[in-house]
PDB file of N, CA and C in Angstrom:
ATOM      1  N   MET A   1      -2.374  94.881  33.054  1.00  0.00           N
ATOM      2  CA  MET A   1      -2.679  93.470  32.932  1.00  0.00           C
ATOM      3  C   MET A   1      -3.299  92.907  34.208  1.00  0.00           C
ATOM      4  N   ARG A   2      -2.762  93.343  35.370  1.00  0.00           N
ATOM      5  CA  ARG A   2      -3.293  92.843  36.631  1.00  0.00           C
ATOM      6  C   ARG A   2      -4.732  93.281  36.854  1.00  0.00           C
ATOM      7  N   GLY A   3      -5.051  94.483  36.480  1.00  0.00           N
ATOM      8  CA  GLY A   3      -6.408  94.988  36.628  1.00  0.00           C
ATOM      9  C   GLY A   3      -7.403  94.171  35.842  1.00  0.00           C
ATOM     10  N   SER A   4      -7.037  93.764  34.633  1.00  0.00           N
ATOM     11  CA  SER A   4      -7.958  92.978  33.813  1.00  0.00           C
ATOM     12  C   SER A   4      -8.121  91.573  34.372  1.00  0.00           C
ATOM     13  N   THR A   5      -7.094  91.013  34.989  1.00  0.00           N
ATOM     14  CA  THR A   5      -7.202  89.688  35.598  1.00  0.00           C
ATOM     15  C   THR A   5      -8.122  89.744  36.815  1.00  0.00           C
ATOM     16  N   ALA A   6      -7.966  90.793  37.611  1.00  0.00           N
ATOM     17  CA  ALA A   6      -8.828  90.942  38.780  1.00  0.00           C
ATOM     18  C   ALA A   6     -10.279  91.147  38.357  1.00  0.00           C
ATOM     19  N   THR A   7     -10.496  91.933  37.315  1.00  0.00           N
ATOM     20  CA  THR A   7     -11.847  92.179  36.822  1.00  0.00           C
ATOM     21  C   THR A   7     -12.462  90.892  36.285  1.00  0.00           C
ATOM     22  N   LEU A   8     -11.678  90.145  35.533  1.00  0.00           N
ATOM     23  CA  LEU A   8     -12.161  88.875  34.992  1.00  0.00           C
ATOM     24  C   LEU A   8     -12.492  87.902  36.116  1.00  0.00           C
ATOM     25  N   SER A   9     -11.651  87.855  37.128  1.00  0.00           N
ATOM     26  CA  SER A   9     -11.893  86.977  38.273  1.00  0.00           C
ATOM     27  C   SER A   9     -13.177  87.358  38.996  1.00  0.00           C
ATOM     28  N   ALA A  10     -13.400  88.661  39.182  1.00  0.00           N
ATOM     29  CA  ALA A  10     -14.609  89.133  39.853  1.00  0.00           C
ATOM     30  C   ALA A  10     -15.858  88.797  39.045  1.00  0.00           C
ATOM     31  N   ILE A  11     -15.779  88.949  37.731  1.00  0.00           N
ATOM     32  CA  ILE A  11     -16.918  88.642  36.862  1.00  0.00           C
ATOM     33  C   ILE A  11     -17.236  87.149  36.893  1.00  0.00           C
ATOM     34  N   LEU A  12     -16.189  86.321  36.837  1.00  0.00           N
ATOM     35  CA  LEU A  12     -16.402  84.869  36.891  1.00  0.00           C
ATOM     36  C   LEU A  12     -16.997  84.448  38.230  1.00  0.00           C
ATOM     37  N   SER A  13     -16.501  85.028  39.312  1.00  0.00           N
ATOM     38  CA  SER A  13     -17.029  84.695  40.642  1.00  0.00           C
ATOM     39  C   SER A  13     -18.496  85.079  40.751  1.00  0.00           C
ATOM     40  N   ALA A  14     -18.829  86.275  40.284  1.00  0.00           N
ATOM     41  CA  ALA A  14     -20.222  86.731  40.327  1.00  0.00           C
ATOM     42  C   ALA A  14     -21.108  85.835  39.466  1.00  0.00           C
ATOM     43  N   GLY A  15     -20.613  85.462  38.307  1.00  0.00           N
ATOM     44  CA  GLY A  15     -21.385  84.592  37.418  1.00  0.00           C
ATOM     45  C   GLY A  15     -21.625  83.216  38.017  1.00  0.00           C
ATOM     46  N   LEU A  16     -20.592  82.643  38.624  1.00  0.00           N
ATOM     47  CA  LEU A  16     -20.736  81.322  39.249  1.00  0.00           C
ATOM     48  C   LEU A  16     -21.688  81.390  40.443  1.00  0.00           C
ATOM     49  N   THR A  17     -21.586  82.442  41.231  1.00  0.00           N
ATOM     50  CA  THR A  17     -22.484  82.602  42.368  1.00  0.00           C
ATOM     51  C   THR A  17     -23.934  82.711  41.898  1.00  0.00           C
ATOM     52  N   ALA A  18     -24.165  83.500  40.897  1.00  0.00           N
ATOM     53  CA  ALA A  18     -25.524  83.643  40.363  1.00  0.00           C
ATOM     54  C   ALA A  18     -26.037  82.318  39.812  1.00  0.00           C
ATOM     55  N   ALA A  19     -25.180  81.579  39.137  1.00  0.00           N
ATOM     56  CA  ALA A  19     -25.578  80.284  38.579  1.00  0.00           C
ATOM     57  C   ALA A  19     -25.959  79.306  39.679  1.00  0.00           C
ATOM     58  N   LEU A  20     -25.208  79.310  40.769  1.00  0.00           N
ATOM     59  CA  LEU A  20     -25.515  78.401  41.870  1.00  0.00           C
ATOM     60  C   LEU A  20     -26.849  78.737  42.523  1.00  0.00           C
ATOM     61  N   PHE A  21     -27.123  80.016  42.713  1.00  0.00           N
ATOM     62  CA  PHE A  21     -28.376  80.405  43.356  1.00  0.00           C
ATOM     63  C   PHE A  21     -29.583  80.201  42.469  1.00  0.00           C
ATOM     64  N   THR A  22     -29.426  80.262  41.166  1.00  0.00           N
ATOM     65  CA  THR A  22     -30.574  80.064  40.282  1.00  0.00           C
ATOM     66  C   THR A  22     -30.744  78.611  39.881  1.00  0.00           C
ATOM     67  N   ALA A  23     -29.686  77.815  39.944  1.00  0.00           N
ATOM     68  CA  ALA A  23     -29.769  76.417  39.521  1.00  0.00           C
ATOM     69  C   ALA A  23     -30.444  75.544  40.566  1.00  0.00           C
ATOM     70  N   ALA A  24     -30.241  75.813  41.843  1.00  0.00           N
ATOM     71  CA  ALA A  24     -30.782  74.952  42.890  1.00  0.00           C
ATOM     72  C   ALA A  24     -32.298  74.817  42.811  1.00  0.00           C
ATOM     73  N   PRO A  25     -33.078  75.894  42.731  1.00  0.00           N
ATOM     74  CA  PRO A  25     -34.529  75.720  42.613  1.00  0.00           C
ATOM     75  C   PRO A  25     -34.926  75.010  41.331  1.00  0.00           C
ATOM     76  N   ALA A  26     -34.210  75.240  40.278  1.00  0.00           N
ATOM     77  CA  ALA A  26     -34.535  74.603  39.006  1.00  0.00           C
ATOM     78  C   ALA A  26     -34.302  73.106  39.071  1.00  0.00           C
ATOM     79  N   LEU A  27     -33.377  72.672  39.903  1.00  0.00           N
ATOM     80  CA  LEU A  27     -33.078  71.248  40.021  1.00  0.00           C
ATOM     81  C   LEU A  27     -33.969  70.555  41.048  1.00  0.00           C
ATOM     82  N   GLY A  28     -34.853  71.296  41.654  1.00  0.00           N
ATOM     83  CA  GLY A  28     -35.742  70.694  42.647  1.00  0.00           C
ATOM     84  C   GLY A  28     -35.036  70.440  43.961  1.00  0.00           C
ATOM     85  N   ALA A  29     -34.049  71.246  44.305  1.00  0.00           N
ATOM     86  CA  ALA A  29     -33.265  71.034  45.510  1.00  0.00           C
ATOM     87  C   ALA A  29     -33.964  71.536  46.765  1.00  0.00           C
ATOM     88  N   THR A  30     -35.119  72.131  46.629  1.00  0.00           N
ATOM     89  CA  THR A  30     -35.807  72.652  47.793  1.00  0.00           C
ATOM     90  C   THR A  30     -36.429  71.495  48.571  1.00  0.00           C
ATOM     91  N   PRO A  31     -36.119  71.390  49.875  1.00  0.00           N
ATOM     92  CA  PRO A  31     -36.699  70.303  50.662  1.00  0.00           C
ATOM     93  C   PRO A  31     -38.182  70.526  50.896  1.00  0.00           C
ATOM     94  N   PRO A  32     -38.921  69.480  51.168  1.00  0.00           N
ATOM     95  CA  PRO A  32     -40.352  69.621  51.441  1.00  0.00           C
ATOM     96  C   PRO A  32     -40.569  70.377  52.753  1.00  0.00           C
ATOM     97  N   ASP A  33     -41.799  70.851  52.990  1.00  0.00           N
ATOM     98  CA  ASP A  33     -42.122  71.568  54.225  1.00  0.00           C
ATOM     99  C   ASP A  33     -41.871  70.703  55.453  1.00  0.00           C
ATOM    100  N   SER A  34     -41.946  69.409  55.296  1.00  0.00           N
ATOM    101  CA  SER A  34     -41.801  68.486  56.423  1.00  0.00           C
ATOM    102  C   SER A  34     -40.371  67.978  56.577  1.00  0.00           C
ATOM    103  N   ALA A  35     -39.388  68.700  56.045  1.00  0.00           N
ATOM    104  CA  ALA A  35     -38.006  68.207  56.031  1.00  0.00           C
ATOM    105  C   ALA A  35     -37.470  67.870  57.417  1.00  0.00           C
ATOM    106  N   ASN A  36     -37.911  68.554  58.446  1.00  0.00           N
ATOM    107  CA  ASN A  36     -37.405  68.307  59.799  1.00  0.00           C
ATOM    108  C   ASN A  36     -38.340  67.457  60.649  1.00  0.00           C
ATOM    109  N   CYS A  37     -39.392  66.932  60.074  1.00  0.00           N
ATOM    110  CA  CYS A  37     -40.413  66.242  60.859  1.00  0.00           C
ATOM    111  C   CYS A  37     -39.912  64.970  61.540  1.00  0.00           C
ATOM    112  N   LEU A  38     -38.992  64.263  60.958  1.00  0.00           N
ATOM    113  CA  LEU A  38     -38.513  63.053  61.623  1.00  0.00           C
ATOM    114  C   LEU A  38     -37.834  63.426  62.936  1.00  0.00           C
ATOM    115  N   GLY A  39     -37.010  64.441  62.922  1.00  0.00           N
ATOM    116  CA  GLY A  39     -36.356  64.895  64.147  1.00  0.00           C
ATOM    117  C   GLY A  39     -37.342  65.449  65.157  1.00  0.00           C
ATOM    118  N   VAL A  40     -38.329  66.190  64.674  1.00  0.00           N
ATOM    119  CA  VAL A  40     -39.342  66.782  65.559  1.00  0.00           C
ATOM    120  C   VAL A  40     -40.140  65.684  66.254  1.00  0.00           C
ATOM    121  N   VAL A  41     -40.646  64.738  65.489  1.00  0.00           N
ATOM    122  CA  VAL A  41     -41.477  63.668  66.049  1.00  0.00           C
ATOM    123  C   VAL A  41     -40.652  62.773  66.979  1.00  0.00           C
ATOM    124  N   THR A  42     -39.421  62.478  66.602  1.00  0.00           N
ATOM    125  CA  THR A  42     -38.556  61.652  67.444  1.00  0.00           C
ATOM    126  C   THR A  42     -38.272  62.352  68.767  1.00  0.00           C
ATOM    127  N   ALA A  43     -37.966  63.631  68.722  1.00  0.00           N
ATOM    128  CA  ALA A  43     -37.690  64.389  69.947  1.00  0.00           C
ATOM    129  C   ALA A  43     -38.934  64.461  70.830  1.00  0.00           C
ATOM    130  N   GLN A  44     -40.103  64.667  70.223  1.00  0.00           N
ATOM    131  CA  GLN A  44     -41.341  64.725  71.003  1.00  0.00           C
ATOM    132  C   GLN A  44     -41.590  63.405  71.723  1.00  0.00           C
ATOM    133  N   ARG A  45     -41.378  62.301  71.015  1.00  0.00           N
ATOM    134  CA  ARG A  45     -41.583  60.985  71.628  1.00  0.00           C
ATOM    135  C   ARG A  45     -40.568  60.738  72.740  1.00  0.00           C
ATOM    136  N   ALA A  46     -39.324  61.118  72.516  1.00  0.00           N
ATOM    137  CA  ALA A  46     -38.285  60.914  73.526  1.00  0.00           C
ATOM    138  C   ALA A  46     -38.618  61.676  74.810  1.00  0.00           C
ATOM    139  N   VAL A  47     -39.105  62.895  74.679  1.00  0.00           N
ATOM    140  CA  VAL A  47     -39.451  63.702  75.852  1.00  0.00           C
ATOM    141  C   VAL A  47     -40.691  63.135  76.543  1.00  0.00           C
ATOM    142  N   ALA A  48     -41.683  62.730  75.779  1.00  0.00           N
ATOM    143  CA  ALA A  48     -42.949  62.270  76.353  1.00  0.00           C
ATOM    144  C   ALA A  48     -42.859  60.874  76.967  1.00  0.00           C
ATOM    145  N   HIS A  49     -42.063  59.976  76.339  1.00  0.00           N
ATOM    146  CA  HIS A  49     -42.099  58.572  76.753  1.00  0.00           C
ATOM    147  C   HIS A  49     -40.759  58.021  77.224  1.00  0.00           C
ATOM    148  N   HIS A  50     -39.690  58.734  77.007  1.00  0.00           N
ATOM    149  CA  HIS A  50     -38.341  58.315  77.434  1.00  0.00           C
ATOM    150  C   HIS A  50     -37.982  56.905  76.943  1.00  0.00           C
ATOM    151  N   ASP A  51     -38.374  56.584  75.722  1.00  0.00           N
ATOM    152  CA  ASP A  51     -38.112  55.236  75.200  1.00  0.00           C
ATOM    153  C   ASP A  51     -37.270  55.248  73.918  1.00  0.00           C
ATOM    154  N   ILE A  52     -36.633  56.367  73.611  1.00  0.00           N
ATOM    155  CA  ILE A  52     -35.806  56.469  72.416  1.00  0.00           C
ATOM    156  C   ILE A  52     -34.401  56.869  72.852  1.00  0.00           C
ATOM    157  N   GLY A  53     -33.421  56.337  72.195  1.00  0.00           N
ATOM    158  CA  GLY A  53     -32.067  56.764  72.515  1.00  0.00           C
ATOM    159  C   GLY A  53     -31.018  55.720  72.227  1.00  0.00           C
ATOM    160  N   GLU A  54     -31.406  54.572  71.746  1.00  0.00           N
ATOM    161  CA  GLU A  54     -30.435  53.540  71.421  1.00  0.00           C
ATOM    162  C   GLU A  54     -29.745  53.890  70.107  1.00  0.00           C
ATOM    163  N   HIS A  55     -28.440  53.804  70.097  1.00  0.00           N
ATOM    164  CA  HIS A  55     -27.677  54.158  68.900  1.00  0.00           C
ATOM    165  C   HIS A  55     -27.867  53.102  67.812  1.00  0.00           C
ATOM    166  N   ALA A  56     -27.828  53.524  66.572  1.00  0.00           N
ATOM    167  CA  ALA A  56     -28.025  52.620  65.434  1.00  0.00           C
ATOM    168  C   ALA A  56     -26.986  51.511  65.401  1.00  0.00           C
ATOM    169  N   SER A  57     -25.803  51.755  65.938  1.00  0.00           N
ATOM    170  CA  SER A  57     -24.755  50.725  65.916  1.00  0.00           C
ATOM    171  C   SER A  57     -25.118  49.523  66.781  1.00  0.00           C
ATOM    172  N   SER A  58     -26.098  49.673  67.678  1.00  0.00           N
ATOM    173  CA  SER A  58     -26.512  48.542  68.504  1.00  0.00           C
ATOM    174  C   SER A  58     -27.516  47.650  67.782  1.00  0.00           C
ATOM    175  N   GLN A  59     -27.934  48.051  66.596  1.00  0.00           N
ATOM    176  CA  GLN A  59     -28.879  47.256  65.812  1.00  0.00           C
ATOM    177  C   GLN A  59     -28.127  46.251  64.947  1.00  0.00           C
ATOM    178  N   GLU A  60     -28.881  45.286  64.461  1.00  0.00           N
ATOM    179  CA  GLU A  60     -28.286  44.270  63.589  1.00  0.00           C
ATOM    180  C   GLU A  60     -27.852  44.881  62.268  1.00  0.00           C
ATOM    181  N   GLU A  61     -26.881  44.301  61.658  1.00  0.00           N
ATOM    182  CA  GLU A  61     -26.410  44.719  60.328  1.00  0.00           C
ATOM    183  C   GLU A  61     -27.024  43.769  59.310  1.00  0.00           C
ATOM    184  N   PRO A  62     -27.283  44.125  58.126  1.00  0.00           N
ATOM    185  CA  PRO A  62     -27.303  45.489  57.628  1.00  0.00           C
ATOM    186  C   PRO A  62     -28.620  46.158  57.985  1.00  0.00           C
ATOM    187  N   ARG A  63     -28.567  47.460  58.151  1.00  0.00           N
ATOM    188  CA  ARG A  63     -29.774  48.247  58.435  1.00  0.00           C
ATOM    189  C   ARG A  63     -30.326  48.761  57.111  1.00  0.00           C
ATOM    190  N   LEU A  64     -31.624  48.837  57.025  1.00  0.00           N
ATOM    191  CA  LEU A  64     -32.268  49.289  55.790  1.00  0.00           C
ATOM    192  C   LEU A  64     -32.032  50.781  55.548  1.00  0.00           C
ATOM    193  N   GLY A  65     -32.022  51.587  56.586  1.00  0.00           N
ATOM    194  CA  GLY A  65     -31.817  53.029  56.447  1.00  0.00           C
ATOM    195  C   GLY A  65     -33.136  53.759  56.334  1.00  0.00           C
ATOM    196  N   LEU A  66     -33.203  54.941  56.947  1.00  0.00           N
ATOM    197  CA  LEU A  66     -34.457  55.699  56.988  1.00  0.00           C
ATOM    198  C   LEU A  66     -34.926  56.157  55.616  1.00  0.00           C
ATOM    199  N   GLY A  67     -33.996  56.537  54.772  1.00  0.00           N
ATOM    200  CA  GLY A  67     -34.379  56.951  53.422  1.00  0.00           C
ATOM    201  C   GLY A  67     -35.031  55.816  52.653  1.00  0.00           C
ATOM    202  N   ASN A  68     -34.471  54.624  52.799  1.00  0.00           N
ATOM    203  CA  ASN A  68     -35.047  53.455  52.127  1.00  0.00           C
ATOM    204  C   ASN A  68     -36.394  53.072  52.728  1.00  0.00           C
ATOM    205  N   VAL A  69     -36.522  53.184  54.050  1.00  0.00           N
ATOM    206  CA  VAL A  69     -37.810  52.903  54.692  1.00  0.00           C
ATOM    207  C   VAL A  69     -38.864  53.891  54.200  1.00  0.00           C
ATOM    208  N   ALA A  70     -38.497  55.167  54.121  1.00  0.00           N
ATOM    209  CA  ALA A  70     -39.437  56.182  53.632  1.00  0.00           C
ATOM    210  C   ALA A  70     -39.921  55.853  52.227  1.00  0.00           C
ATOM    211  N   ARG A  71     -39.009  55.456  51.354  1.00  0.00           N
ATOM    212  CA  ARG A  71     -39.404  55.109  49.981  1.00  0.00           C
ATOM    213  C   ARG A  71     -40.235  53.830  49.931  1.00  0.00           C
ATOM    214  N   GLU A  72     -39.920  52.859  50.780  1.00  0.00           N
ATOM    215  CA  GLU A  72     -40.693  51.609  50.815  1.00  0.00           C
ATOM    216  C   GLU A  72     -42.131  51.863  51.284  1.00  0.00           C
ATOM    217  N   VAL A  73     -42.284  52.708  52.284  1.00  0.00           N
ATOM    218  CA  VAL A  73     -43.597  52.937  52.880  1.00  0.00           C
ATOM    219  C   VAL A  73     -44.418  53.947  52.085  1.00  0.00           C
ATOM    220  N   LEU A  74     -43.778  55.047  51.664  1.00  0.00           N
ATOM    221  CA  LEU A  74     -44.523  56.151  51.062  1.00  0.00           C
ATOM    222  C   LEU A  74     -44.282  56.351  49.574  1.00  0.00           C
ATOM    223  N   GLY A  75     -43.361  55.600  48.986  1.00  0.00           N
ATOM    224  CA  GLY A  75     -43.134  55.683  47.548  1.00  0.00           C
ATOM    225  C   GLY A  75     -41.874  56.444  47.182  1.00  0.00           C
ATOM    226  N   ASP A  76     -41.476  56.284  45.928  1.00  0.00           N
ATOM    227  CA  ASP A  76     -40.269  56.926  45.421  1.00  0.00           C
ATOM    228  C   ASP A  76     -40.350  58.439  45.549  1.00  0.00           C
ATOM    229  N   GLY A  77     -39.210  59.056  45.778  1.00  0.00           N
ATOM    230  CA  GLY A  77     -39.144  60.502  45.883  1.00  0.00           C
ATOM    231  C   GLY A  77     -39.529  61.040  47.251  1.00  0.00           C
ATOM    232  N   THR A  78     -39.758  60.157  48.207  1.00  0.00           N
ATOM    233  CA  THR A  78     -40.171  60.573  49.540  1.00  0.00           C
ATOM    234  C   THR A  78     -38.945  60.968  50.359  1.00  0.00           C
ATOM    235  N   HIS A  79     -39.059  62.037  51.113  1.00  0.00           N
ATOM    236  CA  HIS A  79     -38.015  62.543  51.998  1.00  0.00           C
ATOM    237  C   HIS A  79     -38.230  61.944  53.392  1.00  0.00           C
ATOM    238  N   VAL A  80     -37.152  61.750  54.161  1.00  0.00           N
ATOM    239  CA  VAL A  80     -37.300  61.171  55.499  1.00  0.00           C
ATOM    240  C   VAL A  80     -38.171  62.044  56.403  1.00  0.00           C
ATOM    241  N   GLY A  81     -38.209  63.329  56.154  1.00  0.00           N
ATOM    242  CA  GLY A  81     -39.088  64.203  56.927  1.00  0.00           C
ATOM    243  C   GLY A  81     -40.545  63.856  56.727  1.00  0.00           C
ATOM    244  N   GLU A  82     -40.886  63.464  55.513  1.00  0.00           N
ATOM    245  CA  GLU A  82     -42.269  63.049  55.230  1.00  0.00           C
ATOM    246  C   GLU A  82     -42.599  61.761  55.975  1.00  0.00           C
ATOM    247  N   LEU A  83     -41.604  60.892  56.139  1.00  0.00           N
ATOM    248  CA  LEU A  83     -41.808  59.683  56.942  1.00  0.00           C
ATOM    249  C   LEU A  83     -42.098  60.071  58.388  1.00  0.00           C
ATOM    250  N   GLY A  84     -41.363  61.032  58.917  1.00  0.00           N
ATOM    251  CA  GLY A  84     -41.602  61.497  60.282  1.00  0.00           C
ATOM    252  C   GLY A  84     -42.996  62.061  60.462  1.00  0.00           C
ATOM    253  N   ALA A  85     -43.442  62.870  59.506  1.00  0.00           N
ATOM    254  CA  ALA A  85     -44.790  63.437  59.571  1.00  0.00           C
ATOM    255  C   ALA A  85     -45.836  62.314  59.532  1.00  0.00           C
ATOM    256  N   PHE A  86     -45.622  61.340  58.672  1.00  0.00           N
ATOM    257  CA  PHE A  86     -46.528  60.198  58.550  1.00  0.00           C
ATOM    258  C   PHE A  86     -46.590  59.413  59.867  1.00  0.00           C
ATOM    259  N   LEU A  87     -45.427  59.130  60.448  1.00  0.00           N
ATOM    260  CA  LEU A  87     -45.392  58.375  61.701  1.00  0.00           C
ATOM    261  C   LEU A  87     -46.064  59.146  62.831  1.00  0.00           C
ATOM    262  N   GLY A  88     -45.884  60.465  62.844  1.00  0.00           N
ATOM    263  CA  GLY A  88     -46.541  61.290  63.844  1.00  0.00           C
ATOM    264  C   GLY A  88     -48.051  61.281  63.719  1.00  0.00           C
ATOM    265  N   GLU A  89     -48.547  61.071  62.501  1.00  0.00           N
ATOM    266  CA  GLU A  89     -50.000  61.009  62.273  1.00  0.00           C
ATOM    267  C   GLU A  89     -50.592  59.676  62.652  1.00  0.00           C
ATOM    268  N   ILE A  90     -49.892  58.584  62.342  1.00  0.00           N
ATOM    269  CA  ILE A  90     -50.504  57.256  62.514  1.00  0.00           C
ATOM    270  C   ILE A  90     -50.238  56.604  63.860  1.00  0.00           C
ATOM    271  N   ASP A  91     -49.369  57.169  64.689  1.00  0.00           N
ATOM    272  CA  ASP A  91     -49.024  56.485  65.934  1.00  0.00           C
ATOM    273  C   ASP A  91     -50.081  56.616  67.034  1.00  0.00           C
ATOM    274  N   GLY A  92     -51.098  57.457  66.828  1.00  0.00           N
ATOM    275  CA  GLY A  92     -52.162  57.595  67.797  1.00  0.00           C
ATOM    276  C   GLY A  92     -51.722  58.302  69.083  1.00  0.00           C
ATOM    277  N   ASP A  93     -50.565  58.952  69.048  1.00  0.00           N
ATOM    278  CA  ASP A  93     -50.022  59.621  70.223  1.00  0.00           C
ATOM    279  C   ASP A  93     -50.155  61.128  70.046  1.00  0.00           C
ATOM    280  N   PRO A  94     -50.944  61.804  70.878  1.00  0.00           N
ATOM    281  CA  PRO A  94     -51.104  63.241  70.731  1.00  0.00           C
ATOM    282  C   PRO A  94     -49.815  64.025  71.012  1.00  0.00           C
ATOM    283  N   ALA A  95     -48.835  63.392  71.622  1.00  0.00           N
ATOM    284  CA  ALA A  95     -47.566  64.070  71.922  1.00  0.00           C
ATOM    285  C   ALA A  95     -46.668  64.199  70.692  1.00  0.00           C
ATOM    286  N   THR A  96     -46.978  63.458  69.631  1.00  0.00           N
ATOM    287  CA  THR A  96     -46.106  63.476  68.442  1.00  0.00           C
ATOM    288  C   THR A  96     -46.880  63.983  67.237  1.00  0.00           C
ATOM    289  N   THR A  97     -46.558  65.199  66.843  1.00  0.00           N
ATOM    290  CA  THR A  97     -47.169  65.791  65.657  1.00  0.00           C
ATOM    291  C   THR A  97     -46.142  66.659  64.955  1.00  0.00           C
ATOM    292  N   CYS A  98     -46.320  66.818  63.680  1.00  0.00           N
ATOM    293  CA  CYS A  98     -45.481  67.723  62.910  1.00  0.00           C
ATOM    294  C   CYS A  98     -46.372  68.444  61.913  1.00  0.00           C
ATOM    295  N   PRO A  99     -46.397  69.780  61.995  1.00  0.00           N
ATOM    296  CA  PRO A  99     -47.304  70.532  61.116  1.00  0.00           C
ATOM    297  C   PRO A  99     -46.947  70.391  59.656  1.00  0.00           C
TER     298      PRO A  99
END
C-alpha cells in the first residue's frame, strides 16, 4: 500500500510540475525584452548625474505608481520596463539607453 501511495504522489508531483512549466507561456507570463529597462535607465542616470535617490515615501500621497504611469503614457498592457526604455529614448541623454 505504501509503495502505491509513493508512486501516486510522484506521478502527481511530476504532472503538476509539467503543468506549471507549460501553462506559463500559454498565459502570456513571459516578460517583454525590456523588462529590466526601468532599472537600467534609472541606474545609468544616477551614475551619470547623481540626481536620483529620493525614496518614494518622501513624495506626496497618493502616488500614481509606475505601472499606472506606464499604462497612461504608453497604453494598456504596457510593462514598466517598456516605460524605462521609452524614457531612455526621449530624454535626449546619451548616458541613458536600454537595448
